[in-house]
Protein backbone atom coordinates (compact mmCIF):
# COMPACT_ATOMS: atom_id res chain seq x y z
CA LYS A 1 11.82 1.47 -6.68
CA PHE A 2 8.86 2.33 -8.92
CA PHE A 3 9.79 -0.33 -11.49
CA LYS A 4 10.45 -2.87 -8.73
CA LYS A 5 6.97 -2.24 -7.28
CA MET A 6 5.41 -2.59 -10.75
CA LYS A 7 7.32 -5.85 -11.30
CA ASN A 8 6.18 -7.23 -7.93
CA ALA A 9 2.56 -6.18 -8.59
CA LYS A 10 2.59 -7.91 -11.99
CA ARG A 11 4.12 -11.03 -10.45
CA LYS A 12 1.49 -11.21 -7.71
CA LYS A 13 -1.33 -10.97 -10.24
CA GLU A 14 -0.07 -14.00 -12.13
CA PRO A 15 -1.69 -17.27 -10.98
CA VAL A 16 0.61 -19.51 -8.98
CA LEU A 17 0.19 -22.38 -11.42
CA LYS A 18 1.23 -20.17 -14.33
CA ARG A 19 4.41 -19.28 -12.46
CA LEU A 20 5.14 -22.93 -11.61
CA LEU A 21 4.46 -24.62 -14.96
CA PRO A 22 7.70 -23.40 -16.61
CA TYR A 23 9.61 -25.34 -13.93
CA ALA A 24 7.91 -28.59 -14.98
CA GLY A 25 9.54 -28.68 -18.42
CA ARG A 26 8.37 -31.65 -20.46
CA LYS A 27 6.52 -33.16 -17.49
CA LYS A 28 3.85 -30.47 -17.30
CA TYR A 29 1.40 -32.84 -19.03
CA LEU A 30 1.48 -35.05 -15.91
CA LEU A 31 -0.44 -32.43 -13.97
CA TYR A 32 -3.23 -32.31 -16.54
CA ILE A 33 -3.51 -36.12 -16.54
CA ALA A 34 -3.47 -36.13 -12.73
CA MET A 35 -6.26 -33.55 -12.54
CA LEU A 36 -8.36 -35.45 -15.07
CA SER A 37 -7.92 -38.76 -13.24
CA SER A 38 -8.65 -37.01 -9.93
CA ALA A 39 -11.94 -35.70 -11.35
CA LEU A 40 -12.84 -39.19 -12.59
CA SER A 41 -11.97 -40.74 -9.24
CA GLY A 42 -14.22 -38.16 -7.57
CA ILE A 43 -17.11 -39.35 -9.74
CA LEU A 44 -16.35 -43.02 -9.10
CA VAL A 45 -16.30 -42.68 -5.30
CA LEU A 46 -19.75 -41.05 -5.42
CA MET A 47 -21.31 -43.77 -7.58
CA PRO A 48 -21.78 -46.16 -4.60
CA MET A 49 -24.43 -43.68 -3.41
CA VAL A 50 -26.63 -44.74 -6.34
CA TYR A 51 -26.39 -48.42 -5.41
CA ILE A 52 -26.85 -47.73 -1.70
CA HIS A 53 -30.03 -45.88 -2.67
CA LYS A 54 -31.18 -48.89 -4.66
CA ILE A 55 -30.55 -51.22 -1.73
CA VAL A 56 -32.33 -48.94 0.79
CA SER A 57 -35.22 -48.10 -1.53
CA GLY A 58 -35.68 -51.76 -2.46
CA ILE A 59 -35.93 -52.83 1.16
CA ILE A 60 -38.23 -49.96 2.18
CA LEU A 61 -40.51 -50.01 -0.86
CA THR A 62 -41.00 -53.79 -1.02
CA GLY A 63 -40.63 -54.50 2.66
CA LYS A 64 -38.53 -57.52 1.69
CA ILE A 65 -34.85 -58.36 1.56
CA ASP A 66 -33.71 -59.62 -1.84
CA PRO A 67 -30.23 -61.17 -1.31
CA VAL A 68 -29.49 -61.38 -5.04
CA SER A 69 -30.33 -57.71 -5.65
CA ILE A 70 -28.51 -56.59 -2.51
CA ASN A 71 -25.38 -58.57 -3.42
CA HIS A 72 -25.41 -57.21 -6.98
CA ASN A 73 -25.77 -53.58 -5.81
CA ALA A 74 -23.21 -54.06 -3.03
CA ILE A 75 -20.67 -55.49 -5.48
CA CYS A 76 -21.27 -52.57 -7.88
CA ALA A 77 -20.92 -50.06 -5.03
CA ALA A 78 -17.71 -51.69 -3.79
CA SER A 79 -16.31 -51.90 -7.33
CA PHE A 80 -16.85 -48.18 -7.96
CA ALA A 81 -15.34 -47.32 -4.54
CA VAL A 82 -12.24 -49.47 -5.11
CA GLY A 83 -11.92 -48.16 -8.67
CA GLY A 84 -12.09 -44.59 -7.39
CA LEU A 85 -9.43 -45.24 -4.75
CA LEU A 86 -7.10 -46.95 -7.25
CA LEU A 87 -7.54 -44.12 -9.73
CA TYR A 88 -6.83 -41.57 -6.99
CA SER A 89 -3.67 -43.49 -6.06
CA PHE A 90 -2.59 -43.27 -9.71
CA THR A 91 -3.40 -39.53 -9.55
CA LEU A 92 -1.12 -39.05 -6.56
CA ILE A 93 1.74 -40.91 -8.25
CA LEU A 94 1.54 -38.61 -11.28
CA SER A 95 1.12 -35.44 -9.20
CA HIS A 96 4.11 -36.36 -6.99
CA ILE A 97 6.34 -36.98 -10.02
CA PHE A 98 5.25 -33.60 -11.37
CA ALA A 99 5.77 -31.90 -7.99
CA PHE A 100 9.25 -33.40 -7.51
CA GLU A 101 10.24 -32.20 -10.99
CA VAL A 102 9.06 -28.67 -10.20
CA GLU A 103 10.72 -28.70 -6.76
CA GLN A 104 14.03 -29.89 -8.19
CA ASN A 105 13.97 -27.31 -10.99
CA ILE A 106 13.04 -24.46 -8.64
CA ILE A 107 16.14 -25.28 -6.60
CA SER A 108 18.51 -25.91 -9.50
CA ARG A 109 17.42 -22.93 -11.62
CA ASN A 110 17.47 -20.48 -8.73
CA VAL A 111 20.86 -21.75 -7.59
CA LYS A 112 22.07 -21.10 -11.15
CA LYS A 113 20.66 -17.59 -10.84
CA LEU A 114 22.61 -17.22 -7.59
CA MET A 115 25.80 -18.34 -9.30
CA ALA A 116 25.28 -15.69 -11.98
CA LYS A 117 24.80 -12.88 -9.46
CA PRO A 118 27.53 -10.24 -9.06
CA LEU A 119 29.79 -10.72 -6.05
CA GLY A 120 28.24 -7.64 -4.44
CA PHE A 121 24.95 -9.50 -4.18
CA PHE A 122 26.44 -11.78 -1.49
CA THR A 123 28.01 -9.02 0.60
CA ASN A 124 25.06 -8.47 2.93
CA ARG A 125 23.28 -11.76 2.39
CA GLU A 126 23.85 -14.91 4.40
CA SER A 127 24.24 -18.06 2.32
CA GLY A 128 22.24 -20.04 4.90
CA ASN A 129 19.25 -17.72 4.58
CA LEU A 130 19.38 -17.86 0.78
CA ARG A 131 19.53 -21.66 0.87
CA LYS A 132 16.64 -21.85 3.33
CA THR A 133 14.50 -19.47 1.25
CA ILE A 134 15.01 -21.45 -1.96
CA VAL A 135 14.83 -24.98 -0.52
CA ASP A 136 11.93 -24.31 1.86
CA GLY A 137 10.08 -22.38 -0.85
CA ALA A 138 10.46 -25.27 -3.27
CA ALA A 139 9.17 -27.69 -0.60
CA GLU A 140 6.14 -25.45 -0.02
CA THR A 141 5.19 -25.65 -3.69
CA HIS A 142 5.60 -29.44 -3.59
CA THR A 143 2.82 -29.84 -1.02
CA MET A 144 0.48 -27.70 -3.07
CA LEU A 145 1.23 -29.42 -6.39
CA ALA A 146 1.38 -33.01 -5.14
CA HIS A 147 -1.85 -32.95 -3.15
CA GLN A 148 -3.90 -29.78 -3.57
CA MET A 149 -3.80 -29.30 -7.34
CA PRO A 150 -5.30 -32.75 -8.11
CA ASP A 151 -7.88 -32.11 -5.40
CA ILE A 152 -8.94 -28.92 -7.16
CA ALA A 153 -10.33 -30.99 -10.04
CA MET A 154 -12.08 -33.35 -7.63
CA THR A 155 -13.43 -30.43 -5.59
CA MET A 156 -14.83 -28.83 -8.74
CA ILE A 157 -16.41 -31.92 -10.33
CA THR A 158 -17.73 -33.68 -7.22
CA PRO A 159 -20.20 -30.94 -6.18
CA VAL A 160 -21.56 -30.95 -9.74
CA VAL A 161 -22.20 -34.71 -9.49
CA LEU A 162 -23.78 -34.22 -6.07
CA LEU A 163 -26.11 -31.58 -7.50
CA VAL A 164 -27.17 -34.05 -10.19
CA PHE A 165 -27.88 -36.59 -7.44
CA PHE A 166 -29.91 -34.00 -5.51
CA PHE A 167 -32.35 -33.60 -8.38
CA TYR A 168 -32.12 -37.18 -9.67
CA PHE A 169 -33.79 -38.88 -6.72
CA ASP A 170 -36.36 -36.27 -5.67
CA TRP A 171 -36.05 -32.60 -6.59
CA ARG A 172 -38.14 -31.44 -3.62
CA LEU A 173 -35.92 -33.18 -1.07
CA GLY A 174 -32.91 -32.05 -3.11
CA LEU A 175 -33.92 -28.37 -2.78
CA ALA A 176 -34.42 -28.83 0.96
CA SER A 177 -30.96 -30.40 1.27
CA MET A 178 -29.40 -27.50 -0.67
CA LEU A 179 -30.53 -24.84 1.79
CA PRO A 180 -27.83 -25.58 4.42
CA ILE A 181 -25.25 -25.79 1.62
CA LEU A 182 -26.11 -22.33 0.30
CA ILE A 183 -26.03 -20.90 3.83
CA SER A 184 -22.64 -22.59 4.43
CA PHE A 185 -21.25 -21.05 1.24
CA GLY A 186 -22.36 -17.60 2.43
CA ILE A 187 -20.74 -18.10 5.85
CA MET A 188 -17.47 -19.31 4.30
CA ALA A 189 -17.44 -16.34 1.88
CA SER A 190 -17.82 -13.94 4.82
CA MET A 191 -14.72 -15.50 6.42
CA THR A 192 -12.63 -14.62 3.36
CA SER A 193 -13.43 -10.92 3.41
CA LYS A 194 -10.79 -8.28 2.62
CA LYS A 195 -10.46 -7.53 6.33
CA ASN A 196 -9.70 -11.17 7.17
CA LEU A 197 -7.29 -11.50 4.24
CA LYS A 198 -5.47 -8.38 5.45
CA MET A 199 -5.23 -9.88 8.96
CA ARG A 200 -3.84 -13.09 7.41
CA ASP A 201 -1.17 -11.16 5.50
CA GLU A 202 -0.22 -9.19 8.62
CA TYR A 203 0.09 -12.43 10.61
CA PHE A 204 2.47 -14.12 8.16
CA ASP A 205 4.46 -10.90 7.74
CA GLY A 206 4.75 -10.75 11.53
CA GLN A 207 5.96 -14.35 11.59
CA SER A 208 8.78 -13.51 9.17
CA LYS A 209 9.84 -10.49 11.22
CA LEU A 210 9.71 -12.48 14.45
CA SER A 211 11.84 -15.24 12.93
CA ALA A 212 14.52 -12.70 11.96
CA GLU A 213 14.47 -11.13 15.43
CA ILE A 214 14.76 -14.53 17.14
CA VAL A 215 17.88 -15.30 15.09
CA GLU A 216 19.38 -11.98 16.20
CA TYR A 217 18.43 -12.69 19.81
CA VAL A 218 20.00 -16.17 19.76
CA ARG A 219 23.22 -14.71 18.36
CA GLY A 220 23.21 -12.16 21.18
CA ILE A 221 22.64 -14.68 23.98
CA PRO A 222 26.30 -14.53 25.19
CA VAL A 223 25.93 -10.76 25.68
CA VAL A 224 22.53 -11.19 27.34
CA LYS A 225 23.94 -13.72 29.80
CA THR A 226 27.09 -11.69 30.45
CA PHE A 227 25.09 -8.65 31.53
CA ALA A 228 22.35 -10.69 33.25
CA GLN A 229 19.64 -9.33 30.96
CA SER A 230 16.31 -10.91 30.06
CA ILE A 231 14.32 -11.18 26.87
CA GLU A 232 12.55 -7.93 27.82
CA SER A 233 15.85 -6.10 27.20
CA PHE A 234 15.41 -6.94 23.50
CA ASP A 235 12.61 -4.44 23.02
CA ARG A 236 12.01 -5.22 19.37
CA LEU A 237 11.79 -8.98 19.95
CA TYR A 238 9.57 -8.62 23.00
CA SER A 239 7.24 -6.14 21.29
CA LEU A 240 7.05 -8.36 18.20
CA ILE A 241 6.06 -11.37 20.32
CA ILE A 242 3.31 -9.37 22.03
CA LYS A 243 2.14 -7.86 18.75
CA LEU A 244 2.03 -11.25 17.00
CA LYS A 245 0.13 -12.72 19.94
CA GLN A 246 -2.45 -9.95 19.65
CA GLN A 247 -2.71 -10.48 15.89
CA VAL A 248 -3.23 -14.24 16.29
CA VAL A 249 -5.89 -13.75 18.95
CA ALA A 250 -7.70 -11.08 16.90
CA TRP A 251 -7.53 -13.15 13.70
CA SER A 252 -8.65 -16.36 15.40
CA MET A 253 -11.46 -14.71 17.34
CA SER A 254 -12.80 -13.15 14.13
CA PHE A 255 -13.68 -16.72 13.03
CA LYS A 256 -15.13 -17.86 16.36
CA ASN A 257 -18.84 -17.31 15.74
CA LYS A 258 -18.77 -17.79 11.97
CA MET A 259 -16.81 -21.06 12.13
CA SER A 260 -19.11 -22.44 14.82
CA LEU A 261 -22.13 -21.48 12.73
CA PHE A 262 -20.58 -23.04 9.60
CA GLU A 263 -19.93 -26.34 11.40
CA ALA A 264 -23.47 -26.39 12.73
CA VAL A 265 -25.19 -25.49 9.45
CA SER A 266 -23.06 -27.60 7.06
CA GLY A 267 -23.95 -30.76 9.00
CA SER A 268 -27.61 -29.93 9.57
CA THR A 269 -29.16 -31.48 6.46
CA SER A 270 -31.69 -33.39 8.60
CA PHE A 271 -33.06 -30.17 10.18
CA PHE A 272 -34.05 -28.91 6.73
CA LEU A 273 -34.86 -32.29 5.18
CA VAL A 274 -37.08 -33.89 7.83
CA PRO A 275 -39.74 -31.12 7.91
CA ILE A 276 -40.06 -31.24 4.09
CA ALA A 277 -40.26 -35.05 4.16
CA ILE A 278 -43.01 -34.91 6.81
CA LEU A 279 -44.85 -32.30 4.76
CA MET A 280 -44.63 -34.50 1.65
CA ILE A 281 -45.99 -37.52 3.56
CA THR A 282 -48.85 -35.57 5.11
CA THR A 283 -49.83 -34.17 1.71
CA GLY A 284 -50.26 -37.56 0.11
CA GLY A 285 -46.71 -38.64 -0.67
CA ASN A 286 -45.67 -42.30 -0.69
CA VAL A 287 -44.29 -42.90 2.80
CA ARG A 288 -41.86 -45.63 1.76
CA GLU A 289 -40.60 -43.70 -1.24
CA VAL A 290 -40.08 -40.48 0.75
CA ILE A 291 -38.24 -42.31 3.52
CA GLY A 292 -36.09 -44.22 1.02
CA ASN A 293 -35.09 -41.03 -0.78
CA SER A 294 -34.55 -39.16 2.50
CA VAL A 295 -31.94 -41.72 3.59
CA ILE A 296 -29.75 -41.02 0.56
CA TYR A 297 -30.02 -37.24 1.06
CA LEU A 298 -29.01 -37.65 4.68
CA LEU A 299 -25.88 -39.41 3.41
CA ILE A 300 -24.86 -37.04 0.63
CA GLY A 301 -26.01 -33.69 2.11
CA PRO A 302 -23.26 -33.24 4.75
CA THR A 303 -20.53 -34.15 2.24
CA PHE A 304 -20.92 -30.71 0.67
CA GLY A 305 -19.52 -29.17 3.86
CA ILE A 306 -16.43 -31.34 3.46
CA PHE A 307 -15.84 -30.01 -0.04
CA ILE A 308 -16.37 -26.41 1.07
CA MET A 309 -13.69 -26.90 3.77
CA ARG A 310 -11.44 -28.64 1.27
CA SER A 311 -11.70 -25.69 -1.12
CA ALA A 312 -10.69 -23.36 1.74
CA THR A 313 -7.73 -25.61 2.55
CA ILE A 314 -6.64 -25.65 -1.09
CA LYS A 315 -6.83 -21.86 -1.17
CA ASN A 316 -4.57 -21.66 1.88
CA PHE A 317 -1.97 -23.95 0.34
CA ILE A 318 -2.03 -21.91 -2.87
CA TYR A 319 -1.46 -18.81 -0.74
CA PHE A 320 1.51 -20.46 1.01
CA ALA A 321 3.00 -21.45 -2.36
CA GLU A 322 2.55 -17.89 -3.62
CA LEU A 323 4.29 -16.53 -0.52
CA ALA A 324 7.16 -18.96 -1.05
CA LEU A 325 7.62 -17.95 -4.69
CA ASN A 326 7.48 -14.27 -3.77
CA LYS A 327 10.14 -14.79 -1.09
CA ILE A 328 12.42 -16.53 -3.59
CA ASP A 329 11.92 -13.75 -6.14
CA GLU A 330 12.54 -11.06 -3.53
CA ALA A 331 15.66 -12.82 -2.22
CA LEU A 332 17.12 -12.91 -5.73
CA GLU A 333 16.00 -9.38 -6.61
CA TYR A 334 19.17 -7.58 -7.65
CA LYS A 335 20.37 -5.52 -10.56
CA ASP A 336 22.51 -7.79 -12.70
CA LEU A 337 25.77 -6.52 -14.16
CA ASN A 338 26.23 -6.52 -17.92
CA TYR A 339 29.53 -7.97 -19.08
CA GLY A 340 31.30 -7.40 -22.36
CA THR A 341 32.98 -9.87 -24.69
CA GLU A 342 36.62 -8.78 -24.59
CA ILE A 343 39.41 -10.85 -23.06
CA VAL A 344 41.61 -9.15 -20.45
CA THR A 345 45.10 -8.77 -21.92
CA GLY A 346 46.64 -5.62 -20.41
CA ASP A 347 48.11 -4.94 -16.98
CA GLY A 348 47.72 -2.30 -14.30
CA LEU A 349 44.65 -1.06 -12.42
CA GLU A 350 43.30 2.49 -12.62
CA PHE A 351 40.44 4.32 -10.92
CA LYS A 352 39.31 7.39 -12.86
CA ASP A 353 37.04 9.86 -11.06
CA ILE A 354 35.10 7.13 -9.21
CA SER A 355 32.03 7.94 -7.10
CA PHE A 356 29.93 5.31 -5.34
CA SER A 357 27.01 5.22 -2.91
CA TYR A 358 25.26 2.59 -0.82
CA GLY A 359 21.69 3.76 -1.26
CA ASN A 360 21.67 7.42 -0.20
CA GLU A 361 25.01 7.19 1.62
CA LYS A 362 27.87 8.43 -0.53
CA VAL A 363 31.04 6.46 0.24
CA LEU A 364 33.44 7.49 -2.53
CA ASP A 365 33.53 10.95 -4.08
CA HIS A 366 35.58 11.32 -7.31
CA ILE A 367 38.47 9.00 -6.37
CA SER A 368 41.36 8.64 -8.84
CA PHE A 369 44.58 6.62 -8.59
CA LYS A 370 46.59 4.07 -10.54
CA VAL A 371 48.43 0.86 -9.63
CA ASN A 372 51.04 -0.21 -12.17
CA LYS A 373 52.20 -3.74 -12.87
CA GLY A 374 54.79 -4.86 -10.32
CA GLU A 375 53.63 -2.18 -7.88
CA THR A 376 52.02 -2.57 -4.45
CA VAL A 377 49.73 0.24 -3.35
CA ALA A 378 48.32 0.26 0.18
CA LEU A 379 45.08 1.96 1.19
CA VAL A 380 44.80 3.21 4.77
CA GLY A 381 42.32 5.41 6.56
CA VAL A 382 39.51 5.56 9.07
CA SER A 383 36.92 2.79 9.29
CA GLY A 384 34.02 3.43 6.97
CA GLY A 385 36.13 5.58 4.68
CA GLY A 386 35.57 3.31 1.67
CA LYS A 387 38.76 1.23 1.49
CA THR A 388 36.99 -2.11 1.21
CA THR A 389 34.50 -0.57 -1.21
CA ILE A 390 37.42 0.39 -3.49
CA ALA A 391 38.68 -3.20 -3.37
CA LYS A 392 35.23 -4.57 -4.20
CA LEU A 393 34.79 -2.14 -7.07
CA ALA A 394 38.16 -3.25 -8.47
CA ALA A 395 36.92 -6.86 -8.47
CA ARG A 396 33.59 -5.65 -9.88
CA PHE A 397 31.40 -6.62 -6.95
CA TYR A 398 29.53 -3.48 -7.97
CA ASP A 399 29.65 -0.87 -10.70
CA PRO A 400 30.51 2.73 -9.73
CA ASP A 401 27.89 5.48 -9.94
CA GLU A 402 30.32 7.70 -11.81
CA GLY A 403 33.73 7.29 -13.41
CA SER A 404 35.44 4.21 -14.80
CA ILE A 405 37.76 1.44 -13.60
CA LEU A 406 40.39 0.36 -16.09
CA ILE A 407 42.53 -2.75 -16.42
CA GLY A 408 45.14 -2.50 -19.13
CA GLY A 409 43.61 0.82 -20.16
CA THR A 410 40.18 -0.75 -20.91
CA ASN A 411 37.04 -0.30 -18.85
CA ILE A 412 36.39 -3.52 -16.91
CA LYS A 413 32.76 -3.43 -18.13
CA ALA A 414 34.04 -4.38 -21.58
CA TYR A 415 35.55 -7.68 -20.36
CA ASN A 416 33.68 -10.96 -20.17
CA LYS A 417 33.03 -12.29 -16.70
CA SER A 418 35.24 -15.37 -16.86
CA SER A 419 38.24 -13.46 -18.19
CA LEU A 420 37.89 -10.75 -15.53
CA MET A 421 37.63 -13.25 -12.68
CA GLN A 422 40.72 -15.11 -13.91
CA LYS A 423 42.65 -11.84 -13.91
CA ILE A 424 42.01 -11.06 -10.23
CA SER A 425 42.84 -12.85 -6.97
CA PHE A 426 41.00 -11.61 -3.89
CA VAL A 427 42.20 -12.51 -0.36
CA PHE A 428 39.36 -11.59 1.96
CA GLN A 429 39.45 -10.46 5.57
CA ASN A 430 37.40 -13.54 6.52
CA PRO A 431 38.91 -16.54 4.71
CA LYS A 432 36.39 -19.10 3.50
CA LEU A 433 37.04 -22.83 3.42
CA PHE A 434 34.31 -25.18 2.22
CA ARG A 435 33.28 -28.51 3.71
CA MET A 436 35.35 -30.59 1.34
CA SER A 437 38.94 -31.80 1.16
CA ILE A 438 41.81 -29.33 1.55
CA ARG A 439 42.91 -30.34 -1.96
CA GLU A 440 39.51 -29.43 -3.42
CA ASN A 441 39.52 -26.13 -1.52
CA LEU A 442 42.88 -25.21 -3.01
CA LEU A 443 42.01 -26.37 -6.53
CA LEU A 444 39.20 -23.81 -6.62
CA GLY A 445 42.02 -21.42 -7.54
CA ARG A 446 43.02 -23.51 -10.57
CA PRO A 447 41.28 -26.88 -11.06
CA GLU A 448 43.88 -28.21 -13.52
CA ALA A 449 46.86 -27.64 -11.17
CA SER A 450 49.25 -30.56 -10.65
CA GLU A 451 50.30 -32.11 -7.33
CA GLU A 452 53.67 -30.40 -7.61
CA GLU A 453 52.03 -27.01 -8.14
CA LEU A 454 49.85 -27.61 -5.08
CA CYS A 455 52.91 -28.28 -2.95
CA GLN A 456 54.70 -25.21 -4.28
CA ALA A 457 51.68 -23.00 -3.51
CA LEU A 458 51.55 -24.34 0.06
CA GLU A 459 55.29 -23.72 0.50
CA LYS A 460 55.07 -20.14 -0.75
CA ALA A 461 52.05 -19.44 1.49
CA GLY A 462 53.79 -20.93 4.53
CA ALA A 463 50.98 -23.43 4.86
CA LYS A 464 52.86 -26.66 4.20
CA ASP A 465 53.20 -27.43 7.91
CA ILE A 466 49.43 -27.10 8.38
CA VAL A 467 48.75 -29.85 5.82
CA ASP A 468 51.64 -32.01 7.04
CA ASN A 469 50.15 -32.07 10.55
CA LEU A 470 46.89 -33.54 9.23
CA GLU A 471 46.54 -37.33 9.28
CA LYS A 472 45.20 -37.47 5.71
CA GLY A 473 47.07 -34.43 4.45
CA LEU A 474 45.46 -32.75 1.46
CA ASP A 475 42.65 -35.32 1.46
CA THR A 476 41.43 -34.24 4.90
CA ILE A 477 37.82 -33.04 4.80
CA TYR A 478 37.57 -29.61 6.36
CA GLY A 479 34.95 -29.40 9.12
CA THR A 480 34.85 -33.14 9.95
CA LYS A 481 36.13 -34.81 13.12
CA GLY A 482 37.18 -31.48 14.61
CA THR A 483 39.25 -30.43 11.60
CA TYR A 484 39.10 -26.66 11.87
CA PHE A 485 41.78 -24.00 11.63
CA SER A 486 42.57 -20.76 13.40
CA GLY A 487 41.96 -17.50 11.53
CA GLY A 488 45.64 -17.23 10.64
CA GLU A 489 45.90 -20.85 9.44
CA ALA A 490 42.77 -20.53 7.29
CA GLN A 491 44.18 -17.32 5.83
CA ARG A 492 47.46 -19.04 4.89
CA LEU A 493 45.50 -21.75 3.06
CA SER A 494 43.47 -19.11 1.20
CA ILE A 495 46.74 -17.39 0.22
CA ALA A 496 47.98 -20.76 -1.11
CA ARG A 497 44.83 -20.80 -3.24
CA ALA A 498 45.76 -17.33 -4.53
CA PHE A 499 49.30 -18.54 -5.35
CA LEU A 500 47.80 -21.43 -7.27
CA LYS A 501 45.53 -19.12 -9.25
CA ASN A 502 48.53 -16.89 -10.11
CA ALA A 503 46.35 -13.95 -11.22
CA ASP A 504 47.97 -10.73 -12.47
CA ILE A 505 46.01 -8.52 -10.07
CA VAL A 506 46.02 -9.25 -6.34
CA ILE A 507 43.64 -7.56 -3.89
CA LEU A 508 44.35 -8.01 -0.19
CA ASP A 509 41.54 -6.82 2.06
CA GLU A 510 42.62 -6.71 5.72
CA ALA A 511 44.11 -10.14 5.19
CA THR A 512 46.01 -10.12 8.51
CA ALA A 513 43.11 -8.81 10.61
CA PHE A 514 42.53 -12.08 12.51
CA ALA A 515 46.07 -13.42 12.51
CA ASP A 516 48.21 -13.74 15.64
CA GLN A 517 51.78 -12.43 15.69
CA GLU A 518 53.32 -15.70 14.46
CA ASN A 519 50.82 -16.15 11.63
CA GLU A 520 51.07 -12.49 10.68
CA HIS A 521 54.83 -12.81 10.16
CA ILE A 522 54.32 -15.84 7.88
CA ILE A 523 51.47 -14.12 6.00
CA GLN A 524 53.54 -10.97 5.48
CA ALA A 525 56.34 -13.03 3.97
CA SER A 526 53.88 -14.81 1.68
CA PHE A 527 52.37 -11.47 0.61
CA LYS A 528 55.80 -10.29 -0.46
CA GLU A 529 56.23 -13.39 -2.61
CA LEU A 530 52.63 -13.23 -3.93
CA SER A 531 53.03 -9.59 -5.01
CA LYS A 532 56.15 -10.13 -7.15
CA ASN A 533 55.54 -8.80 -10.69
CA LYS A 534 51.85 -8.37 -9.85
CA THR A 535 49.48 -5.41 -9.64
CA THR A 536 48.73 -5.40 -5.91
CA LEU A 537 46.13 -3.38 -4.03
CA MET A 538 46.40 -3.78 -0.25
CA ILE A 539 44.02 -2.63 2.47
CA ALA A 540 45.24 -2.58 6.04
CA HIS A 541 45.14 -0.80 9.40
CA ARG A 542 48.44 -2.03 10.82
CA LEU A 543 51.61 -0.14 9.93
CA SER A 544 53.54 -3.42 9.88
CA THR A 545 51.31 -4.62 7.06
CA VAL A 546 51.84 -1.65 4.72
CA LYS A 547 55.46 -0.71 5.40
CA GLY A 548 56.63 -2.75 2.40
CA ALA A 549 54.21 -1.03 -0.02
CA ASP A 550 55.53 1.11 -2.89
CA ARG A 551 52.91 3.77 -2.19
CA ILE A 552 50.44 4.42 0.62
CA LEU A 553 47.19 6.22 -0.17
CA VAL A 554 45.12 7.72 2.64
CA ILE A 555 41.36 7.40 2.19
CA ASP A 556 39.33 9.87 4.20
CA LYS A 557 35.65 10.68 4.41
């Protein structure tokens, strides 16, 4: 836990961009070009202010309208504005290409990480939640990279140009126009205090907790309706809703006065400018010149407030991207298993003095037994005794805390991952069929299998009739047009997959749990065929399931 906290603390200190750049690969240069062009476009779109000043000053100072001069300045102003917009469009094209590259690589690389995780990683994690965390997190970074990162450059360079303008036309009016800007900065800084940041973090943490509770509530709706309960009966959900409401109100109200004051001050250039302009005129200043310069300050002064708000918006999007990356990292946080390089050659499965715990809960305490080749050993016992844990340890979902698991007399840690997985077939309690053709589902067991071998596997599993009753047979896409199977039928197809794999070690974990009497009879017959000359470890509660076993081991707490 200590090292995990240190790792998380180090990760949070790293800037978001530093964490995202490795995902860009060779296209990271696009971001730098995009930021540079964004800064240039920010300068270009401000240049019309110079020509507008020339037009206004020319009219006020001379008291005449010079069409030639006005047209020239108007064309220059329009040219700079159009040039700035075109350059910004180019910026967005580059930043979107960069963002899409990062988004795609976040998804692909983290999915690869998922594929490399031990099987135990997926035991208590829903695939839908993992997919949502990765995909939604990648999308969150896209928004920040495609729009906000280029705007950072513009937000940094544009105020500098505006400051130059402030002192270029008339430094006295420029200082007067800067007063509301400085006050606005102070107000905005006060809204990003540690207290407000803590309230922000609590709000988004509460949102995550509420989302999880809502999912649980929706799943429990049938029970709620059956017993005529209301949402109040879900105390945790109800209390979370109330708590989040209170947090939102408290957080929002903390900005009420400050945000109102910021809006008022950031747009109040005239309240500071006009008195100074009047003072300058009454102390001998050129009326026309002061008025001409005042007009331009009235135009550019309030724009500072826009850039202050934009910087706050950028900061929020960076925060959201950081949250998304942290969620992805936390979702994939798991101790990886180290595999050896040896190829599995021997037979038989042996547990030697195995102990295992889930956290602080000890499940197995110095368990030892052996299953020889051609032998079927059944594990029975009370629920929670550790039967399924034994099966998962045999398939190396996890590593034991103590002791060793041997295949062919060699510790399974010494074998490479691919060789170990090829050696074992696992028939789960809940059979899994993917949304693809029945043929593709079966070929997961052995992709190179022939059509004849597919048919033989279906025959041995008693699943041939299931496929024959489908209009498109093996090419039927599971999950489309109402193509679903009962628990027993899906189990028979998963057993056909195990036949096709033809692994030397077979692990059957409550494989008849959801089968009706007819399906159970077919499955039992297929188990007998599947176990021939194999090392078979069977977990079951029903006596009918284990009566054909060579040995029955009782697992007790």
